[in-house]
Amino acid sequence: MSVIVTDTGFHTETPIPAFTSLAQLPFHEGALDLANTDDPTALVPYLADLRLIRIDFPSFADGRGFTLARRLRMMGFKGRLRARGHVLADQYAMARRVGFDEVEISDDLATRQPAEQWLARANWQAHDHQSRLRAG
């Protein structure tokens, strides 16, 4: 099982269509799995039809998923964007800033980093360098 993290805490998965890989993109049912190494330009003809894109984070030290999320938002993707895998609570604010709507973590990680740790970063808009400069 897995846990979905949003700005309001931990949630369970709501029913969604099956995830499709990039190789099977023409046959998608609205949900797509992307590796952090996939080229998002292949999605351009499908962006309006996709409701959920899930980007894999194979390691908390690999930030390519953040770049991919930002590129998708800049390309006009309006659906839900989910980070999945090894994302830490400390990285939640960055994930939200680059365009992720939610993070999917394992039950094991949810046990080690409970909802309170994620909620402490849920006010992500107020905790960035630019906001602190404007306030000071």
Protein backbone atom coordinates (compact mmCIF):
# COMPACT_ATOMS: atom_id res chain seq x y z
CA MET A 1 0.00 0.00 0.00
CA SER A 2 0.92 3.62 -0.18
CA VAL A 3 -0.05 6.93 1.36
CA ILE A 4 -0.96 10.10 -0.55
CA VAL A 5 0.37 13.30 1.04
CA THR A 6 -1.35 16.63 0.38
CA ASP A 7 -1.38 20.00 2.14
CA THR A 8 -4.09 18.59 4.45
CA GLY A 9 -2.21 15.46 5.55
CA PHE A 10 -2.23 11.74 4.75
CA HIS A 11 -4.90 10.18 2.55
CA THR A 12 -5.63 6.88 0.84
CA GLU A 13 -5.78 6.54 -2.93
CA THR A 14 -9.08 7.36 -4.59
CA PRO A 15 -10.06 5.07 -7.46
CA ILE A 16 -8.31 6.10 -10.67
CA PRO A 17 -7.81 4.49 -14.08
CA ALA A 18 -4.83 2.22 -14.57
CA PHE A 19 -1.51 3.96 -15.02
CA THR A 20 0.04 3.71 -18.47
CA SER A 21 3.75 3.85 -19.25
CA LEU A 22 5.23 6.31 -21.74
CA ALA A 23 5.64 3.44 -24.23
CA GLN A 24 1.87 2.82 -24.06
CA LEU A 25 0.89 6.52 -24.08
CA PRO A 26 -1.45 6.33 -27.12
CA PHE A 27 -3.57 3.83 -25.16
CA HIS A 28 -3.77 5.79 -21.89
CA GLU A 29 -6.92 5.98 -19.78
CA GLY A 30 -6.06 9.35 -18.23
CA ALA A 31 -3.22 8.36 -15.89
CA LEU A 32 0.46 8.13 -16.82
CA ASP A 33 3.59 6.89 -15.05
CA LEU A 34 6.80 8.72 -15.95
CA ALA A 35 10.35 7.81 -15.07
CA ASN A 36 12.46 10.75 -13.98
CA THR A 37 14.51 10.22 -17.15
CA ASP A 38 11.59 10.41 -19.62
CA ASP A 39 11.37 13.26 -22.13
CA PRO A 40 8.18 15.25 -21.44
CA THR A 41 8.00 16.63 -24.99
CA ALA A 42 6.53 13.27 -26.06
CA LEU A 43 3.43 14.18 -24.01
CA VAL A 44 2.55 17.39 -25.86
CA PRO A 45 -0.26 15.91 -28.00
CA TYR A 46 -1.75 14.19 -24.93
CA LEU A 47 -1.48 16.83 -22.19
CA ALA A 48 -5.08 17.98 -22.42
CA ASP A 49 -6.36 14.40 -22.10
CA LEU A 50 -4.24 13.33 -19.13
CA ARG A 51 -5.80 13.75 -15.69
CA LEU A 52 -2.92 12.46 -13.57
CA ILE A 53 0.82 12.15 -14.17
CA ARG A 54 2.90 10.30 -11.60
CA ILE A 55 6.67 10.91 -11.66
CA ASP A 56 8.99 8.37 -10.08
CA PHE A 57 11.64 9.36 -7.54
CA PRO A 58 13.97 6.33 -7.27
CA SER A 59 16.15 8.14 -4.69
CA PHE A 60 15.63 11.14 -2.43
CA ALA A 61 18.97 12.45 -3.72
CA ASP A 62 17.85 12.45 -7.37
CA GLY A 63 16.14 15.75 -8.17
CA ARG A 64 15.36 15.15 -11.85
CA GLY A 65 11.69 14.58 -10.99
CA PHE A 66 11.46 18.18 -9.73
CA THR A 67 12.75 19.47 -13.06
CA LEU A 68 10.37 17.23 -14.98
CA ALA A 69 7.41 18.49 -12.96
CA ARG A 70 8.33 22.11 -13.60
CA ARG A 71 8.72 21.45 -17.33
CA LEU A 72 5.29 19.79 -17.49
CA ARG A 73 3.64 22.78 -15.80
CA MET A 74 5.46 25.18 -18.13
CA MET A 75 4.24 23.08 -21.09
CA GLY A 76 0.66 23.68 -19.92
CA PHE A 77 -0.25 20.52 -18.01
CA LYS A 78 -3.26 21.37 -15.82
CA GLY A 79 -4.07 17.94 -14.31
CA ARG A 80 -2.89 16.38 -11.08
CA LEU A 81 0.83 15.90 -10.77
CA ARG A 82 2.10 13.35 -8.25
CA ALA A 83 5.61 12.57 -7.02
CA ARG A 84 6.02 8.90 -6.13
CA GLY A 85 8.73 7.11 -4.25
CA HIS A 86 11.63 8.40 -2.22
CA VAL A 87 10.50 11.92 -1.44
CA LEU A 88 11.16 13.11 2.10
CA ALA A 89 9.07 15.45 4.23
CA ASP A 90 11.90 17.99 3.99
CA GLN A 91 11.40 18.03 0.21
CA TYR A 92 7.63 18.57 0.31
CA ALA A 93 7.75 22.36 0.00
CA MET A 94 10.02 22.10 -3.06
CA ALA A 95 7.72 19.51 -4.60
CA ARG A 96 4.72 21.82 -4.21
CA ARG A 97 6.67 24.85 -5.52
CA VAL A 98 7.62 23.14 -8.78
CA GLY A 99 4.06 22.03 -9.47
CA PHE A 100 3.33 18.74 -7.72
CA ASP A 101 -0.14 18.51 -6.19
CA GLU A 102 0.63 15.50 -4.03
CA VAL A 103 3.25 12.95 -3.05
CA GLU A 104 2.83 9.18 -2.88
CA ILE A 105 4.99 7.49 -0.24
CA SER A 106 5.27 3.97 1.13
CA ASP A 107 3.60 2.96 4.38
CA ASP A 108 7.09 2.45 5.80
CA LEU A 109 8.13 6.04 5.05
CA ALA A 110 4.81 7.31 6.43
CA THR A 111 5.61 5.51 9.69
CA ARG A 112 9.12 7.01 9.87
CA GLN A 113 7.94 10.48 8.85
CA PRO A 114 4.40 10.91 10.22
CA ALA A 115 1.84 13.37 8.90
CA GLU A 116 2.92 16.09 11.36
CA GLN A 117 6.32 16.31 9.66
CA TRP A 118 4.68 16.78 6.26
CA LEU A 119 2.08 19.23 7.57
CA ALA A 120 4.86 21.37 9.05
CA ARG A 121 5.86 22.08 5.44
CA ALA A 122 2.32 22.41 4.05
CA ASN A 123 2.46 26.21 4.19
CA TRP A 124 5.03 25.99 1.40
CA GLN A 125 4.22 29.37 -0.17
CA ALA A 126 5.43 31.24 2.90
CA HIS A 127 8.67 29.33 3.29
CA ASP A 128 10.83 30.32 0.38
CA HIS A 129 13.73 32.68 -0.12
CA GLN A 130 11.76 35.27 -2.10
CA SER A 131 9.00 35.54 0.51
CA ARG A 132 11.54 36.13 3.27
CA LEU A 133 13.25 38.84 1.21
CA ARG A 134 9.96 40.62 0.49
CA ALA A 135 8.99 40.51 4.19
CA GLY A 136 12.33 41.87 5.39
